[in-house]
Protein backbone atom coordinates (compact mmCIF):
# COMPACT_ATOMS: atom_id res chain seq x y z
CA MET A 1 89.91 93.23 161.39
CA LEU A 2 93.06 91.82 159.77
CA ASN A 3 90.97 89.41 157.66
CA LYS A 4 88.79 92.27 156.38
CA LEU A 5 91.89 94.29 155.47
CA GLN A 6 93.36 91.32 153.57
CA LEU A 7 90.08 90.79 151.73
CA PHE A 8 89.95 94.49 150.78
CA LEU A 9 93.54 94.48 149.51
CA SER A 10 92.87 91.30 147.51
CA ALA A 11 89.89 92.94 145.81
CA ILE A 12 91.99 96.01 144.92
CA LEU A 13 94.70 93.73 143.49
CA LEU A 14 92.20 91.87 141.30
CA LEU A 15 90.74 95.14 139.96
CA SER A 16 94.25 96.43 139.20
CA CYS A 17 95.17 93.22 137.36
CA GLY A 18 91.98 93.45 135.29
CA PHE A 19 92.74 97.05 134.37
CA LEU A 20 96.33 96.22 133.37
CA TYR A 21 95.10 93.25 131.30
CA GLN A 22 92.75 95.51 129.35
CA LEU A 23 95.54 98.00 128.68
CA THR A 24 97.85 95.20 127.51
CA MET A 25 95.26 93.81 125.11
CA LYS A 26 94.53 97.24 123.65
CA SER A 27 98.19 98.03 123.06
CA GLY A 28 99.16 94.62 121.65
CA CYS A 29 96.07 93.48 119.79
CA ARG A 30 96.40 90.37 117.61
CA PHE A 31 94.16 89.45 114.68
CA SER A 32 92.16 87.09 116.93
CA CYS A 33 91.22 89.97 119.24
CA LEU A 34 89.53 92.14 116.65
CA PRO A 35 86.47 93.89 118.13
CA PRO A 36 83.39 91.63 117.82
CA TYR A 37 81.49 94.15 115.73
CA LYS A 38 84.30 94.04 113.17
CA SER A 39 85.19 90.34 113.13
CA GLN A 40 81.61 89.03 112.96
CA GLN A 41 80.59 90.87 109.79
CA GLY A 42 81.15 89.02 106.54
CA PRO A 43 81.98 90.80 103.28
CA GLU A 44 78.44 90.33 101.94
CA ALA A 45 76.88 92.31 104.80
CA LEU A 46 79.65 94.89 105.01
CA LEU A 47 80.34 95.57 101.34
CA GLY A 48 76.86 95.04 99.89
CA LYS A 49 76.12 98.76 99.51
CA GLY A 50 78.89 99.18 96.92
CA ARG A 51 80.69 101.99 98.75
CA SER A 52 83.72 100.04 99.98
CA ILE A 53 87.44 100.47 99.30
CA VAL A 54 89.10 97.13 98.52
CA PHE A 55 92.70 95.94 98.82
CA LEU A 56 94.10 92.46 98.05
CA GLU A 57 97.06 90.35 99.15
CA THR A 58 97.39 87.16 97.07
CA SER A 59 100.67 85.98 98.60
CA GLU A 60 100.91 83.95 101.81
CA ARG A 61 102.61 86.65 103.86
CA MET A 62 100.94 87.43 107.17
CA GLU A 63 102.62 90.74 107.99
CA PRO A 64 101.94 93.58 105.52
CA PRO A 65 105.00 95.80 104.87
CA PRO A 66 104.93 99.57 105.60
CA LEU A 67 103.89 100.58 102.06
CA VAL A 68 100.84 98.31 102.21
CA CYS A 69 99.90 99.67 105.64
CA CYS A 70 100.31 103.21 104.36
CA ALA A 71 98.00 102.51 101.42
CA VAL A 72 95.30 101.04 103.68
CA GLU A 73 95.65 103.71 106.38
CA SER A 74 95.56 106.61 103.89
CA ALA A 75 92.38 105.18 102.32
CA ALA A 76 90.77 104.83 105.75
CA ARG A 77 91.60 108.48 106.48
CA ILE A 78 90.33 109.77 103.12
CA TYR A 79 87.14 107.65 103.22
CA PRO A 80 86.24 107.69 106.96
CA GLY A 81 82.57 106.86 106.39
CA GLN A 82 83.22 103.87 104.12
CA PRO A 83 84.47 100.37 104.93
CA VAL A 84 88.03 99.62 103.84
CA ALA A 85 88.29 95.86 103.19
CA PHE A 86 91.65 94.10 103.05
CA PHE A 87 91.38 90.55 101.63
CA MET A 88 94.39 88.33 102.47
CA LYS A 89 95.05 84.87 101.10
CA SER A 90 97.09 83.96 104.17
CA LEU A 91 93.99 84.21 106.35
CA SER A 92 91.22 81.65 106.66
CA ASP A 93 87.84 81.69 108.36
CA ALA A 94 89.43 79.95 111.35
CA THR A 95 92.66 81.96 111.56
CA GLN A 96 93.94 82.22 115.11
CA LEU A 97 97.39 83.64 115.75
CA ALA A 98 99.45 82.15 118.56
CA PRO A 99 99.19 84.10 121.85
CA THR A 100 102.95 84.70 121.82
CA THR A 101 103.01 85.97 118.24
CA THR A 102 102.78 89.68 117.55
CA TYR A 103 102.26 91.33 114.17
CA PRO A 104 102.70 95.12 114.46
CA ALA A 105 101.03 95.79 111.11
CA PHE A 106 97.98 93.71 112.09
CA SER A 107 97.69 95.64 115.34
CA LEU A 108 98.01 98.91 113.48
CA LEU A 109 95.38 98.10 110.84
CA SER A 110 92.91 96.38 113.17
CA ALA A 111 92.93 99.45 115.44
CA ILE A 112 91.51 101.61 112.62
CA ASP A 113 87.73 101.73 112.99
CA ASN A 114 86.76 101.38 109.33
CA VAL A 115 89.40 98.80 108.29
CA PHE A 116 88.28 95.17 108.03
CA LEU A 117 90.48 92.13 107.36
CA PHE A 118 88.96 89.20 105.43
CA PRO A 119 90.23 85.84 104.13
CA LEU A 120 90.62 85.67 100.34
CA ASN A 121 88.95 82.43 99.27
CA MET A 122 89.24 82.45 95.48
CA LYS A 123 87.13 79.36 94.83
CA ARG A 124 84.23 80.89 96.72
CA LEU A 125 84.83 84.32 95.21
CA PHE A 126 84.76 83.10 91.60
CA GLU A 127 81.51 81.16 91.97
CA ASP A 128 78.77 82.35 89.57
CA THR A 129 81.27 84.29 87.43
CA PRO A 130 83.02 83.49 84.11
CA LEU A 131 86.20 82.88 86.16
CA SER A 132 84.87 79.82 87.98
CA SER A 133 85.61 77.18 85.33
CA TRP A 134 89.00 78.77 84.55
CA TYR A 135 90.04 78.63 88.22
CA THR A 136 88.83 75.04 88.63
CA HIS A 137 91.04 73.78 85.80
CA ILE A 138 94.13 75.97 86.28
CA ASN A 139 97.35 74.54 87.72
CA SER A 140 98.56 77.50 89.75
CA SER A 141 101.95 75.93 90.52
CA ALA A 142 102.75 75.90 86.81
CA GLU A 143 101.77 79.52 86.22
CA ARG A 144 104.60 81.98 85.65
CA ASN A 145 102.97 85.08 87.14
CA TRP A 146 100.39 83.51 89.41
CA LEU A 147 100.47 86.11 92.20
CA HIS A 148 99.68 88.85 89.69
CA VAL A 149 97.26 86.82 87.58
CA SER A 150 95.24 85.67 90.62
CA SER A 151 95.16 89.25 91.88
CA ASP A 152 93.93 90.49 88.49
CA ALA A 153 91.12 87.94 88.54
CA SER A 154 90.19 88.52 92.19
CA ARG A 155 89.82 92.28 91.88
CA LEU A 156 87.46 91.92 88.92
CA ALA A 157 85.27 89.41 90.77
CA ILE A 158 85.19 91.35 94.06
CA ILE A 159 84.19 94.66 92.52
CA TRP A 160 81.69 92.92 90.22
CA LYS A 161 80.08 91.20 93.22
CA TYR A 162 80.16 94.01 95.76
CA GLY A 163 80.92 97.21 93.88
CA GLY A 164 83.14 99.95 95.24
CA ILE A 165 86.70 101.03 94.52
CA TYR A 166 89.64 98.68 94.12
CA MET A 167 93.17 99.98 94.86
CA ASP A 168 96.60 98.37 94.61
CA THR A 169 98.46 98.19 97.91
CA ASP A 170 101.03 100.71 96.69
CA VAL A 171 98.51 103.53 96.10
CA ILE A 172 98.48 106.36 98.64
CA SER A 173 95.08 108.09 98.79
CA ILE A 174 95.16 111.89 99.06
CA ARG A 175 91.62 112.94 98.06
CA PRO A 176 88.28 111.16 97.64
CA ILE A 177 87.60 109.96 94.10
CA PRO A 178 84.29 111.55 93.05
CA GLU A 179 83.61 109.15 90.18
CA GLU A 180 81.56 105.97 90.63
CA ASN A 181 82.27 104.03 87.41
CA PHE A 182 85.83 104.70 86.27
CA LEU A 183 89.28 103.41 85.32
CA ALA A 184 92.65 105.12 85.79
CA ALA A 185 95.25 105.88 83.12
CA GLN A 186 98.63 104.18 83.34
CA ALA A 187 100.29 105.84 80.33
CA SER A 188 99.39 107.44 77.05
CA GLN A 189 96.78 105.23 75.37
CA TYR A 190 97.22 102.63 78.12
CA SER A 191 94.81 101.81 80.94
CA SER A 192 95.68 100.65 84.44
CA ASN A 193 93.89 98.09 86.58
CA GLY A 194 95.58 99.37 89.76
CA VAL A 195 92.66 101.65 90.62
CA PHE A 196 89.10 101.34 89.35
CA GLY A 197 85.56 101.60 90.63
CA PHE A 198 82.15 100.33 89.53
CA PHE A 199 78.63 99.67 90.74
CA PRO A 200 77.89 96.04 91.67
CA HIS A 201 77.19 93.72 88.72
CA HIS A 202 78.38 96.25 86.16
CA SER A 203 78.35 94.74 82.67
CA PHE A 204 81.81 96.14 81.87
CA LEU A 205 83.38 93.96 84.58
CA TRP A 206 81.44 90.90 83.45
CA GLU A 207 82.81 91.39 79.94
CA CYS A 208 86.28 91.88 81.38
CA MET A 209 86.01 88.50 83.13
CA GLU A 210 84.87 86.88 79.89
CA ASN A 211 87.80 88.48 78.06
CA PHE A 212 90.13 87.35 80.85
CA VAL A 213 89.27 83.70 80.15
CA GLU A 214 89.04 84.01 76.36
CA HIS A 215 92.47 85.67 75.97
CA TYR A 216 94.22 84.03 78.91
CA ASN A 217 98.01 83.98 78.64
CA SER A 218 99.89 84.21 81.93
CA ASP A 219 103.31 84.17 80.23
CA ILE A 220 102.78 87.80 79.21
CA TRP A 221 102.97 90.01 82.29
CA GLY A 222 99.96 92.33 82.45
CA ASN A 223 97.96 90.44 79.83
CA GLN A 224 95.22 89.70 82.37
CA GLY A 225 95.44 93.13 84.03
CA PRO A 226 96.28 96.47 82.40
CA ASN A 227 96.44 94.91 78.94
CA LEU A 228 92.94 93.50 79.42
CA MET A 229 91.55 96.86 80.55
CA THR A 230 93.26 98.53 77.59
CA ARG A 231 91.76 96.01 75.18
CA MET A 232 88.32 96.78 76.58
CA LEU A 233 88.74 100.55 76.54
CA ARG A 234 90.91 101.31 73.54
CA VAL A 235 88.09 102.71 71.43
CA TRP A 236 86.70 104.78 74.32
CA CYS A 237 89.51 106.64 76.11
CA LYS A 238 92.52 108.82 75.33
CA LEU A 239 94.80 108.72 78.38
CA LYS A 240 97.56 111.07 79.51
CA ASP A 241 101.06 110.04 80.55
CA PHE A 242 101.72 109.22 84.21
CA GLN A 243 104.64 110.64 86.21
CA GLU A 244 107.83 108.50 86.39
CA TRP A 245 107.72 106.52 89.68
CA ARG A 246 111.39 106.87 90.73
CA ARG A 247 110.89 110.56 91.47
CA TYR A 248 108.90 109.65 94.59
CA TYR A 249 112.18 108.53 96.17
CA GLU A 250 114.00 111.78 95.42
CA VAL A 251 114.29 115.00 97.44
CA TRP A 252 112.25 117.81 95.86
CA ASP A 253 113.01 121.50 96.31
CA THR A 254 109.28 122.07 96.71
CA ASP A 255 106.85 119.24 97.28
CA PRO A 256 104.10 119.18 94.62
CA SER A 257 100.58 119.96 95.82
CA PHE A 258 98.84 117.17 93.88
CA ASN A 259 95.73 119.37 93.94
CA HIS A 260 94.34 117.64 90.87
CA SER A 261 95.18 114.08 91.97
CA TYR A 262 93.10 111.56 93.93
CA GLY A 263 95.82 109.02 94.69
CA LEU A 264 99.52 108.38 94.08
CA HIS A 265 100.63 105.04 92.62
CA LEU A 266 104.18 104.18 93.75
CA TRP A 267 104.48 101.27 91.26
CA ASN A 268 105.88 98.75 93.73
CA TYR A 269 106.16 96.07 91.02
CA MET A 270 108.52 98.29 89.05
CA ASN A 271 110.64 98.95 92.15
CA GLN A 272 113.04 96.06 91.56
CA GLU A 273 115.80 98.14 93.15
CA GLY A 274 114.05 97.80 96.54
CA ARG A 275 113.78 101.52 97.22
CA ALA A 276 112.11 102.18 100.57
CA VAL A 277 111.07 105.01 102.86
CA VAL A 278 114.07 106.15 104.91
CA ARG A 279 113.54 108.07 108.14
CA GLY A 280 114.92 111.60 107.91
CA SER A 281 115.63 111.43 104.17
CA ASN A 282 113.17 114.25 103.33
CA THR A 283 112.26 112.45 100.11
CA LEU A 284 108.87 113.02 98.55
CA VAL A 285 107.67 109.56 99.63
CA GLU A 286 108.70 110.17 103.27
CA ASN A 287 106.71 113.40 103.31
CA LEU A 288 103.74 111.60 101.76
CA TYR A 289 103.85 109.01 104.58
CA LEU A 290 104.03 111.76 107.21
CA LYS A 291 101.00 113.52 105.74
CA HIS A 292 98.73 110.70 104.55
CA CYS A 293 99.58 107.71 106.79
CA PRO A 294 101.19 109.14 109.95
CA ARG A 295 100.33 106.10 112.06
CA THR A 296 102.19 103.81 109.66
CA TYR A 297 105.18 106.17 109.63
CA ARG A 298 105.24 106.49 113.40
CA ASN A 299 104.96 102.76 114.13
CA LEU A 300 106.72 101.06 111.20
CA ILE A 301 109.21 103.64 109.89
CA GLN A 302 110.16 105.96 112.72
CA GLY A 303 109.77 103.44 115.54
CA PRO A 304 109.01 104.17 119.21
CA LYS A 305 110.49 107.43 120.55
CA GLY A 306 112.08 108.14 117.17
CA LEU A 307 114.25 105.00 117.10
CA ASP A 308 114.98 103.15 113.88
CA PRO A 309 112.82 99.95 113.92
CA GLY A 310 115.67 98.02 112.33
CA ASN A 311 117.94 98.76 115.31
CA LYS A 312 115.59 97.85 118.12
């Protein structure tokens, strides 16, 4: 009788351990534990329909900061039926994070059903495009603005190959963009390359890649990005001025409705002062996080039980 009781208690203990293990994995998921249906799909199969939202990270950092997470999360919320692809140079096809290493932002993003993380392999990406020979002969270590230049090139190639909408990682989505082939204004008579969308294999993007190589000059910031788009569009579009970015970090008497906007570009490159979202500041950007990326705010800004993450 005693042996049967011990056997029964052992079985209960094993079941309890299995249940606790599942809860632990769900609450502390690493990149290597992405659900199989997400991790096994390559970009060709997932993005081939041309309806995806694309983000890029061309640096080697593994942990996206809160603003990047907010951009990705807000896009996933605004486009729930479309894949949101985040290409990261720091990842490879064989990336496996150490079991003892935790990345809160990875856990946050990988838990969102329609967010997919992919390695950014530029050599493979640029194959069969005008950028291939340029990339083969470039010495990236000698380039002055390589992170920006490589990002400018990658976004052109990705949207040309797969179609969809590209967004910078400092753009907070607030409404779906109804256009299919479009560019966004950066200033009066000046085009941006921070948000744009096209069908796969659109001739405009092919000509942009040709122009990228023909007029390549990385010493001029923006020459391969917004300047390139402006060169290609100057005879076609008259653009309106864009709101000054510093006002996002101010307290407004009444928050604007943005009823006629599709996304808000926080111009992270221009933010050399290092302005950030501060919990309890009631700034416009804090309220935007609360409304459009609440999971990012709760986990990376507010912290557990309302504690400041920096004081944990």
